[in-house]
Amino acid sequence: MTSAKKKTQAIINQGKLELFRALWNHSDDNLFVVRKAPDGDFITERTNPSLIRLFNLTPEQASNSSLKQHLPADAYNAISARYNECLSENTPITYEESHVIDSSGLPRYWLTKILPVIDPDTGEERIFGISRDITELKRIEEQLLFTNEQLEQEVEKRTEELRLALSEMERISKYDKLTKLYNRHKLDEELEKEIELARRYENSFGLILMDIDNFKKINDSYGHYIGGQALMELAKVLKQSVRKTDIVGRWGGDEFLLIMPNSCKQALMVLAQTLKQQLERKQMYDFGSLSSSIGATLFQKNDTIDSMITRVDKAMYSAKKQGKNAIAAIYE
């Protein structure tokens, strides 16, 4: 290399050195150089002013100081393990670390990158480290996580409220408020299903329609509250008397409808008689026992909802013509 080129290279190198010194002395990042001793310990060689101020290091701690002597054992073991990995793999390593450095008791966080520096001639191993304070970013991240958790909890709360509201709406759409039995809308749905099943599998099912005898008189004489009690007593008798597979609901007013899947005339009459007898045993405090006019029918091949309801309604009114507290059946 000519003397002119050497001079130019020296100027370039000097410029690089000045730039590095400026960065080293004035950077807000923490910069450090540590050397690995023959015994495996790590020795601080250089520490920039930012790091010295941060930890209030003495000159002895900032230069030519054994990390093992100045750090707690667990902290030293964690740091030396990273340094040894960096040197053995000969590759940079980036990691986060935190320390409590003041009386607040709150940790501060740094993002640290360490680079291996191995002398090709002597084999001497060093670590050059750059550590940037990310405490504010971590605080924002923690706040965002906290806010996100609150939002998730609020979403879960609102979702549960919506689920309960939908469940309540479904309940209202299916059940009669007073008796807690199926309402007419739900009974229509169930009746349509039973007709479809009966057609598909060529079997039959029974239908019972019943009301409370002299219900208007009960309301007029004792008031609507007692009338409501009578309806609830009838609903209770129905729920206690039918099979698990039977479907019971309030058809409207004082009329109640029972759907009896996979039924026959005999089974239908047995249930009707049971309902009649159970209702007769019910003693109302205000006016004595209840009675009911009961109509019954079975599904026929070409039946629709309307044809079955018309037929069972006629049967119920036939029972009334018999003097009430009676059972009548029409099958065709």
Protein backbone atom coordinates (compact mmCIF):
# COMPACT_ATOMS: atom_id res chain seq x y z
CA MET A 1 0.00 0.00 0.00
CA THR A 2 1.40 3.43 -0.93
CA SER A 3 2.04 6.09 1.71
CA ALA A 4 -0.87 8.18 0.34
CA LYS A 5 -3.28 5.29 0.66
CA LYS A 6 -1.99 4.52 4.14
CA LYS A 7 -2.51 8.12 5.17
CA THR A 8 -6.05 8.10 3.73
CA GLN A 9 -6.87 4.86 5.53
CA ALA A 10 -5.50 6.26 8.78
CA ILE A 11 -7.74 9.32 8.44
CA ILE A 12 -10.76 7.05 7.80
CA ASN A 13 -9.91 4.89 10.78
CA GLN A 14 -9.46 7.96 12.96
CA GLY A 15 -12.85 9.23 11.85
CA LYS A 16 -14.48 5.91 12.70
CA LEU A 17 -12.81 5.95 16.10
CA GLU A 18 -14.05 9.47 16.85
CA LEU A 19 -17.55 8.50 15.79
CA PHE A 20 -17.48 5.46 18.05
CA ARG A 21 -16.19 7.55 20.97
CA ALA A 22 -19.00 10.04 20.46
CA LEU A 23 -21.58 7.26 20.44
CA TRP A 24 -19.97 5.60 23.45
CA ASN A 25 -19.88 8.78 25.54
CA HIS A 26 -23.21 10.33 24.60
CA SER A 27 -25.55 7.45 23.79
CA ASP A 28 -28.55 6.94 26.10
CA ASP A 29 -28.18 3.21 25.47
CA ASN A 30 -26.01 1.20 27.84
CA LEU A 31 -22.81 -0.02 26.15
CA PHE A 32 -20.32 -2.41 27.68
CA VAL A 33 -17.42 -4.72 26.88
CA VAL A 34 -16.62 -7.76 29.01
CA ARG A 35 -13.72 -10.19 28.63
CA LYS A 36 -13.78 -13.87 29.39
CA ALA A 37 -10.93 -14.75 31.76
CA PRO A 38 -8.99 -18.04 31.54
CA ASP A 39 -10.84 -19.29 34.66
CA GLY A 40 -14.21 -18.72 32.94
CA ASP A 41 -15.13 -15.59 34.86
CA PHE A 42 -16.27 -12.49 32.97
CA ILE A 43 -14.42 -9.23 33.58
CA THR A 44 -15.77 -5.76 32.76
CA GLU A 45 -13.33 -3.96 30.47
CA ARG A 46 -15.33 -0.93 29.39
CA THR A 47 -18.61 0.61 30.55
CA ASN A 48 -20.09 3.71 28.94
CA PRO A 49 -21.26 6.73 30.99
CA SER A 50 -24.96 5.89 30.54
CA LEU A 51 -24.54 2.51 32.24
CA ILE A 52 -22.31 3.99 34.97
CA ARG A 53 -24.97 6.60 35.81
CA LEU A 54 -27.79 4.09 35.71
CA PHE A 55 -26.30 1.73 38.30
CA ASN A 56 -24.14 4.34 40.05
CA LEU A 57 -21.05 2.26 39.40
CA THR A 58 -17.71 3.01 41.02
CA PRO A 59 -14.60 3.21 38.78
CA GLU A 60 -13.57 -0.19 40.12
CA GLN A 61 -16.91 -1.72 39.12
CA ALA A 62 -16.92 -0.05 35.70
CA SER A 63 -13.55 -1.40 34.59
CA ASN A 64 -11.53 -4.58 35.20
CA SER A 65 -14.10 -5.89 37.66
CA SER A 66 -15.14 -9.52 38.15
CA LEU A 67 -18.86 -9.97 37.53
CA LYS A 68 -18.87 -13.03 39.78
CA GLN A 69 -17.67 -10.93 42.72
CA HIS A 70 -20.21 -8.12 42.26
CA LEU A 71 -23.36 -9.97 41.19
CA PRO A 72 -25.63 -12.32 43.16
CA ALA A 73 -25.01 -15.96 42.24
CA ASP A 74 -28.30 -16.49 40.42
CA ALA A 75 -27.89 -13.27 38.41
CA TYR A 76 -24.30 -14.13 37.51
CA ASN A 77 -25.19 -17.67 36.47
CA ALA A 78 -27.94 -16.38 34.14
CA ILE A 79 -25.69 -13.73 32.58
CA SER A 80 -22.63 -15.98 32.18
CA ALA A 81 -24.81 -18.67 30.56
CA ARG A 82 -25.91 -16.17 27.91
CA TYR A 83 -22.38 -14.91 27.36
CA ASN A 84 -21.01 -18.44 27.00
CA GLU A 85 -23.75 -19.34 24.53
CA CYS A 86 -23.01 -16.23 22.49
CA LEU A 87 -19.29 -17.07 22.37
CA SER A 88 -19.66 -20.81 21.76
CA GLU A 89 -22.18 -20.29 18.96
CA ASN A 90 -20.28 -17.22 17.71
CA THR A 91 -23.59 -15.48 17.05
CA PRO A 92 -25.41 -12.42 18.46
CA ILE A 93 -28.13 -13.00 21.08
CA THR A 94 -31.01 -10.64 21.90
CA TYR A 95 -32.97 -10.88 25.12
CA GLU A 96 -35.04 -8.86 27.58
CA GLU A 97 -33.96 -8.30 31.16
CA SER A 98 -35.37 -6.45 34.14
CA HIS A 99 -33.94 -5.03 37.38
CA VAL A 100 -35.23 -3.06 40.35
CA ILE A 101 -32.81 -0.16 40.65
CA ASP A 102 -34.56 2.35 42.92
CA SER A 103 -36.75 2.61 46.01
CA SER A 104 -39.98 2.45 44.01
CA GLY A 105 -39.71 -1.32 43.93
CA LEU A 106 -40.88 -1.33 40.33
CA PRO A 107 -38.76 -3.18 37.77
CA ARG A 108 -37.27 -1.47 34.75
CA TYR A 109 -36.83 -3.30 31.49
CA TRP A 110 -34.09 -3.40 28.87
CA LEU A 111 -33.72 -5.01 25.47
CA THR A 112 -30.14 -6.24 25.32
CA LYS A 113 -28.12 -7.48 22.37
CA ILE A 114 -24.74 -9.11 22.88
CA LEU A 115 -22.21 -9.76 20.13
CA PRO A 116 -19.20 -12.11 20.24
CA VAL A 117 -15.79 -10.51 19.64
CA ILE A 118 -13.05 -13.12 19.29
CA ASP A 119 -9.45 -12.09 18.58
CA PRO A 120 -8.28 -14.20 15.60
CA ASP A 121 -4.64 -13.97 16.68
CA THR A 122 -4.79 -14.55 20.46
CA GLY A 123 -8.14 -16.32 20.70
CA GLU A 124 -9.16 -13.90 23.47
CA GLU A 125 -12.97 -13.76 23.83
CA ARG A 126 -15.02 -10.67 24.56
CA ILE A 127 -18.66 -9.67 24.61
CA PHE A 128 -19.82 -6.32 23.27
CA GLY A 129 -23.25 -5.42 24.61
CA ILE A 130 -25.90 -2.81 23.79
CA SER A 131 -28.84 -2.41 26.16
CA ARG A 132 -31.81 -0.12 25.48
CA ASP A 133 -34.34 0.94 28.11
CA ILE A 134 -37.81 -0.30 27.04
CA THR A 135 -39.55 0.31 30.36
CA GLU A 136 -42.05 2.76 28.90
CA LEU A 137 -42.89 0.34 26.11
CA LYS A 138 -43.36 -2.47 28.63
CA ARG A 139 -45.63 -0.27 30.74
CA ILE A 140 -47.73 0.49 27.66
CA GLU A 141 -47.76 -3.21 26.76
CA GLU A 142 -48.86 -4.12 30.30
CA GLN A 143 -51.59 -1.49 30.18
CA LEU A 144 -52.75 -2.77 26.81
CA LEU A 145 -52.82 -6.33 28.15
CA PHE A 146 -54.76 -5.19 31.20
CA THR A 147 -57.18 -3.23 29.04
CA ASN A 148 -57.54 -6.19 26.70
CA GLU A 149 -58.29 -8.50 29.64
CA GLN A 150 -60.92 -6.05 30.88
CA LEU A 151 -62.44 -5.89 27.40
CA GLU A 152 -62.46 -9.69 27.16
CA GLN A 153 -64.16 -9.91 30.56
CA GLU A 154 -66.70 -7.32 29.46
CA VAL A 155 -67.30 -9.21 26.21
CA GLU A 156 -67.75 -12.45 28.18
CA LYS A 157 -70.15 -10.67 30.53
CA ARG A 158 -72.17 -9.20 27.66
CA THR A 159 -72.13 -12.54 25.84
CA GLU A 160 -73.49 -14.27 28.92
CA GLU A 161 -76.14 -11.57 29.32
CA LEU A 162 -77.09 -12.03 25.67
CA ARG A 163 -77.19 -15.81 26.10
CA LEU A 164 -79.47 -15.45 29.12
CA ALA A 165 -81.66 -12.95 27.27
CA LEU A 166 -81.95 -15.29 24.28
CA SER A 167 -82.68 -18.18 26.63
CA GLU A 168 -85.40 -16.12 28.29
CA MET A 169 -86.82 -15.14 24.92
CA GLU A 170 -86.84 -18.80 23.90
CA ARG A 171 -88.54 -19.73 27.17
CA ILE A 172 -91.17 -17.01 26.67
CA SER A 173 -91.74 -18.15 23.09
CA LYS A 174 -92.35 -21.75 24.25
CA TYR A 175 -93.97 -21.59 27.65
CA ASP A 176 -97.18 -20.26 29.14
CA LYS A 177 -96.35 -17.69 31.82
CA LEU A 178 -98.97 -18.81 34.34
CA THR A 179 -98.83 -22.61 34.15
CA LYS A 180 -95.23 -23.04 32.93
CA LEU A 181 -96.53 -25.53 30.37
CA TYR A 182 -95.97 -25.27 26.62
CA ASN A 183 -97.94 -22.45 24.98
CA ARG A 184 -100.09 -22.76 21.87
CA HIS A 185 -97.29 -21.79 19.49
CA LYS A 186 -95.06 -24.57 20.83
CA LEU A 187 -97.94 -27.06 20.82
CA ASP A 188 -98.53 -26.30 17.13
CA GLU A 189 -94.86 -27.08 16.44
CA GLU A 190 -94.98 -30.35 18.38
CA LEU A 191 -98.26 -31.38 16.77
CA GLU A 192 -96.80 -30.80 13.31
CA LYS A 193 -93.79 -32.99 14.23
CA GLU A 194 -96.01 -35.80 15.50
CA ILE A 195 -98.13 -35.77 12.35
CA GLU A 196 -94.97 -35.96 10.21
CA LEU A 197 -93.62 -38.89 12.27
CA ALA A 198 -96.94 -40.70 12.17
CA ARG A 199 -97.08 -40.41 8.38
CA ARG A 200 -93.47 -41.49 7.94
CA TYR A 201 -93.64 -44.55 10.21
CA GLU A 202 -97.36 -45.28 9.70
CA ASN A 203 -98.19 -45.27 13.38
CA SER A 204 -100.64 -43.24 15.43
CA PHE A 205 -100.74 -40.83 18.36
CA GLY A 206 -103.47 -39.57 20.63
CA LEU A 207 -104.78 -36.10 21.30
CA ILE A 208 -106.70 -34.94 24.38
CA LEU A 209 -108.35 -31.53 24.74
CA MET A 210 -109.84 -30.61 28.10
CA ASP A 211 -111.04 -27.58 29.98
CA ILE A 212 -112.24 -26.70 33.48
CA ASP A 213 -115.96 -27.07 33.91
CA ASN A 214 -117.75 -23.85 34.90
CA PHE A 215 -114.52 -21.87 34.68
CA LYS A 216 -116.35 -18.61 33.90
CA LYS A 217 -118.44 -19.06 37.02
CA ILE A 218 -115.30 -19.58 39.10
CA ASN A 219 -113.81 -16.36 37.74
CA ASP A 220 -117.04 -14.39 38.21
CA SER A 221 -117.71 -15.72 41.71
CA TYR A 222 -114.24 -15.91 43.22
CA GLY A 223 -112.14 -13.59 41.06
CA HIS A 224 -109.41 -14.05 38.51
CA TYR A 225 -106.77 -14.88 41.10
CA ILE A 226 -108.70 -17.99 42.20
CA GLY A 227 -109.34 -18.77 38.55
CA GLY A 228 -105.60 -18.64 37.98
CA GLN A 229 -105.05 -20.99 40.93
CA ALA A 230 -107.52 -23.44 39.35
CA LEU A 231 -105.56 -23.35 36.08
CA MET A 232 -102.31 -24.03 37.90
CA GLU A 233 -103.88 -26.95 39.79
CA LEU A 234 -105.03 -28.50 36.53
CA ALA A 235 -101.54 -27.96 35.05
CA LYS A 236 -100.04 -29.69 38.09
CA VAL A 237 -102.38 -32.70 37.65
CA LEU A 238 -101.38 -32.94 33.98
CA LYS A 239 -97.66 -32.87 34.68
CA GLN A 240 -97.97 -35.53 37.40
CA SER A 241 -100.21 -37.87 35.36
CA VAL A 242 -98.65 -38.05 31.89
CA ARG A 243 -95.71 -40.12 30.63
CA LYS A 244 -92.30 -38.55 30.03
CA THR A 245 -92.87 -38.85 26.30
CA ASP A 246 -96.24 -37.07 26.40
CA ILE A 247 -96.47 -33.40 25.48
CA VAL A 248 -98.64 -31.07 27.54
CA GLY A 249 -99.54 -27.43 27.07
CA ARG A 250 -102.08 -24.69 27.58
CA TRP A 251 -104.09 -24.36 24.37
CA GLY A 252 -105.77 -21.12 25.41
CA GLY A 253 -107.97 -19.80 28.22
CA ASP A 254 -108.90 -22.82 30.37
CA GLU A 255 -108.26 -25.35 27.59
CA PHE A 256 -105.30 -27.74 27.77
CA LEU A 257 -103.96 -30.01 25.02
CA LEU A 258 -102.10 -33.31 25.45
CA ILE A 259 -100.20 -35.07 22.69
CA MET A 260 -99.67 -38.77 23.38
CA PRO A 261 -97.07 -40.31 20.97
CA ASN A 262 -97.34 -43.97 19.91
CA SER A 263 -100.78 -44.35 21.41
CA CYS A 264 -103.93 -46.42 20.89
CA LYS A 265 -107.57 -46.12 21.92
CA GLN A 266 -107.08 -48.09 25.11
CA ALA A 267 -104.05 -46.13 26.29
CA LEU A 268 -105.77 -42.87 25.40
CA MET A 269 -108.85 -43.76 27.48
CA VAL A 270 -106.72 -44.91 30.42
CA LEU A 271 -104.96 -41.53 30.48
CA ALA A 272 -108.23 -39.64 30.13
CA GLN A 273 -109.76 -41.57 33.05
CA THR A 274 -106.64 -40.97 35.16
CA LEU A 275 -106.81 -37.23 34.52
CA LYS A 276 -110.50 -37.12 35.36
CA GLN A 277 -110.03 -39.01 38.63
CA GLN A 278 -106.94 -37.06 39.71
CA LEU A 279 -108.69 -33.78 39.07
CA GLU A 280 -111.74 -34.83 41.06
CA ARG A 281 -109.49 -35.48 44.06
CA LYS A 282 -108.12 -31.95 43.96
CA GLN A 283 -109.86 -29.90 46.63
CA MET A 284 -109.77 -26.16 46.12
CA TYR A 285 -110.06 -24.21 49.38
CA ASP A 286 -112.52 -21.71 47.94
CA PHE A 287 -114.99 -23.79 45.94
CA GLY A 288 -114.31 -27.49 46.43
CA SER A 289 -113.19 -29.91 43.73
CA LEU A 290 -112.43 -29.31 40.08
CA SER A 291 -113.88 -31.18 37.14
CA SER A 292 -113.15 -31.22 33.45
CA SER A 293 -114.78 -32.09 30.16
CA ILE A 294 -112.31 -34.24 28.22
CA GLY A 295 -112.27 -34.89 24.48
CA ALA A 296 -110.03 -37.48 22.83
CA THR A 297 -109.06 -38.57 19.34
CA LEU A 298 -106.41 -40.52 17.44
CA PHE A 299 -104.41 -39.56 14.35
CA GLN A 300 -105.90 -40.84 11.11
CA LYS A 301 -104.02 -41.32 7.85
CA ASN A 302 -105.08 -38.10 6.11
CA ASP A 303 -105.24 -35.89 9.20
CA THR A 304 -103.90 -32.34 9.40
CA ILE A 305 -103.53 -30.15 12.48
CA ASP A 306 -106.84 -28.47 11.69
CA SER A 307 -108.74 -31.73 11.17
CA MET A 308 -107.44 -33.22 14.43
CA ILE A 309 -108.13 -30.08 16.47
CA THR A 310 -111.63 -29.81 14.99
CA ARG A 311 -112.35 -33.44 15.86
CA VAL A 312 -110.98 -33.33 19.42
CA ASP A 313 -112.78 -30.03 20.05
CA LYS A 314 -116.08 -31.65 19.00
CA ALA A 315 -115.31 -34.53 21.35
CA MET A 316 -114.72 -32.16 24.27
CA TYR A 317 -118.03 -30.36 23.64
CA SER A 318 -119.73 -33.75 23.37
CA ALA A 319 -118.44 -34.45 26.88
CA LYS A 320 -119.93 -31.16 28.05
CA LYS A 321 -123.32 -32.12 26.56
CA GLN A 322 -123.17 -35.28 28.66
CA GLY A 323 -123.37 -33.08 31.74
CA LYS A 324 -119.67 -32.15 32.10
CA ASN A 325 -117.05 -34.02 34.17
CA ALA A 326 -117.12 -36.56 31.36
CA ILE A 327 -114.98 -38.11 28.62
CA ALA A 328 -115.92 -38.36 24.95
CA ALA A 329 -113.89 -39.68 22.03
CA ILE A 330 -114.30 -39.21 18.29
CA TYR A 331 -111.93 -41.16 16.07
CA GLU A 332 -113.20 -40.43 12.56
